[in-house]
Amino acid sequence: MRAYIGGQEAVSVNEFIELALGTPLELWLGVEGESEEERAARLDAARDILADNPDLPDDVSRIAARVIEVRAPELFNVVPLIRRPAGRRPARFGKGAAA
């Protein structure tokens, strides 16, 4: 299945997020090893984008909520663990195990 946003194909999760937000994900999250100067420049750019688009945080929240709603079964796929009765040890396999 192919995903297109604004006529551009998103071929990875990060590309999909970037196209949906209109900005690279790294702008908001940073990159490992960035200098203080790079961080300051990144944050300045983020502030400018938020000033130009004050609805962006609400839009992102709606996108995140929708993804959680759609993917909830996979996100919360909890499998109960089987409990052994007290005092019962699991069978040993391998060297030294009884046949």
Protein backbone atom coordinates (compact mmCIF):
# COMPACT_ATOMS: atom_id res chain seq x y z
CA MET A 1 0.00 0.00 0.00
CA ARG A 2 1.29 3.46 -0.87
CA ALA A 3 0.72 6.59 1.18
CA TYR A 4 0.59 10.01 -0.44
CA ILE A 5 0.41 13.37 1.31
CA GLY A 6 -0.05 16.44 -0.83
CA GLY A 7 0.84 14.46 -3.93
CA GLN A 8 4.15 13.23 -2.50
CA GLU A 9 4.69 9.58 -1.62
CA ALA A 10 5.82 8.78 1.91
CA VAL A 11 8.08 5.74 1.79
CA SER A 12 9.05 5.58 5.48
CA VAL A 13 7.47 6.38 8.83
CA ASN A 14 9.73 9.41 9.28
CA GLU A 15 8.86 10.68 5.80
CA PHE A 16 5.16 10.25 6.54
CA ILE A 17 5.52 12.23 9.78
CA GLU A 18 7.56 14.93 8.04
CA LEU A 19 4.98 15.30 5.27
CA ALA A 20 2.09 15.30 7.75
CA LEU A 21 3.73 17.95 9.94
CA GLY A 22 5.27 19.92 7.11
CA THR A 23 8.60 19.92 8.95
CA PRO A 24 11.32 17.36 9.58
CA LEU A 25 10.88 15.38 12.80
CA GLU A 26 14.47 16.22 13.80
CA LEU A 27 13.49 19.88 14.05
CA TRP A 28 11.32 19.06 17.07
CA LEU A 29 13.29 16.20 18.59
CA GLY A 30 16.86 17.21 17.81
CA VAL A 31 19.66 14.93 16.73
CA GLU A 32 22.20 13.06 18.78
CA GLY A 33 25.44 14.94 19.19
CA GLU A 34 24.18 18.36 18.11
CA SER A 35 26.18 21.30 19.45
CA GLU A 36 24.68 24.04 21.62
CA GLU A 37 24.83 26.36 18.61
CA GLU A 38 22.97 23.85 16.41
CA ARG A 39 20.40 23.30 19.15
CA ALA A 40 19.82 27.04 19.54
CA ALA A 41 19.38 27.45 15.77
CA ARG A 42 16.98 24.49 15.66
CA LEU A 43 14.89 25.89 18.51
CA ASP A 44 14.81 29.33 16.86
CA ALA A 45 13.51 27.75 13.66
CA ALA A 46 10.89 25.81 15.64
CA ARG A 47 9.74 29.01 17.37
CA ASP A 48 9.41 30.76 14.00
CA ILE A 49 7.33 27.87 12.63
CA LEU A 50 5.06 27.90 15.68
CA ALA A 51 4.66 31.67 15.41
CA ASP A 52 3.61 31.29 11.75
CA ASN A 53 1.33 28.33 12.48
CA PRO A 54 -0.13 28.58 16.01
CA ASP A 55 -2.52 25.67 15.32
CA LEU A 56 0.33 23.22 14.71
CA PRO A 57 0.41 21.79 18.28
CA ASP A 58 -3.34 21.10 18.13
CA ASP A 59 -2.99 19.51 14.69
CA VAL A 60 -0.17 17.28 15.93
CA SER A 61 -2.21 16.29 18.99
CA ARG A 62 -5.13 15.31 16.76
CA ILE A 63 -2.83 13.24 14.51
CA ALA A 64 -1.29 11.49 17.54
CA ALA A 65 -4.70 10.78 19.07
CA ARG A 66 -5.94 9.34 15.77
CA VAL A 67 -2.88 7.10 15.42
CA ILE A 68 -3.34 5.83 18.97
CA GLU A 69 -7.03 5.19 18.31
CA VAL A 70 -6.34 3.29 15.09
CA ARG A 71 -3.36 1.35 16.47
CA ALA A 72 -4.67 0.75 20.03
CA PRO A 73 -5.13 -3.00 19.56
CA GLU A 74 -1.44 -3.39 18.65
CA LEU A 75 -0.21 -0.85 21.20
CA PHE A 76 -2.11 -2.46 24.04
CA ASN A 77 -1.82 -6.08 22.99
CA VAL A 78 -1.29 -7.50 26.46
CA VAL A 79 -0.78 -11.22 26.83
CA PRO A 80 -1.38 -12.68 30.30
CA LEU A 81 1.53 -14.62 31.77
CA ILE A 82 0.90 -18.16 32.96
CA ARG A 83 1.53 -18.58 36.67
CA ARG A 84 2.96 -21.78 38.06
CA PRO A 85 1.50 -23.13 41.27
CA ALA A 86 3.58 -22.16 44.30
CA GLY A 87 6.46 -24.52 45.02
CA ARG A 88 6.44 -26.09 41.57
CA ARG A 89 9.65 -25.74 39.58
CA PRO A 90 9.83 -25.80 35.79
CA ALA A 91 11.12 -28.95 34.12
CA ARG A 92 14.84 -28.92 33.37
CA PHE A 93 16.03 -29.69 29.90
CA GLY A 94 19.49 -30.36 28.60
CA LYS A 95 22.51 -31.75 30.41
CA GLY A 96 21.68 -33.54 33.62
CA ALA A 97 17.93 -33.68 33.00
CA ALA A 98 16.06 -36.88 33.76
CA ALA A 99 14.93 -38.78 30.70
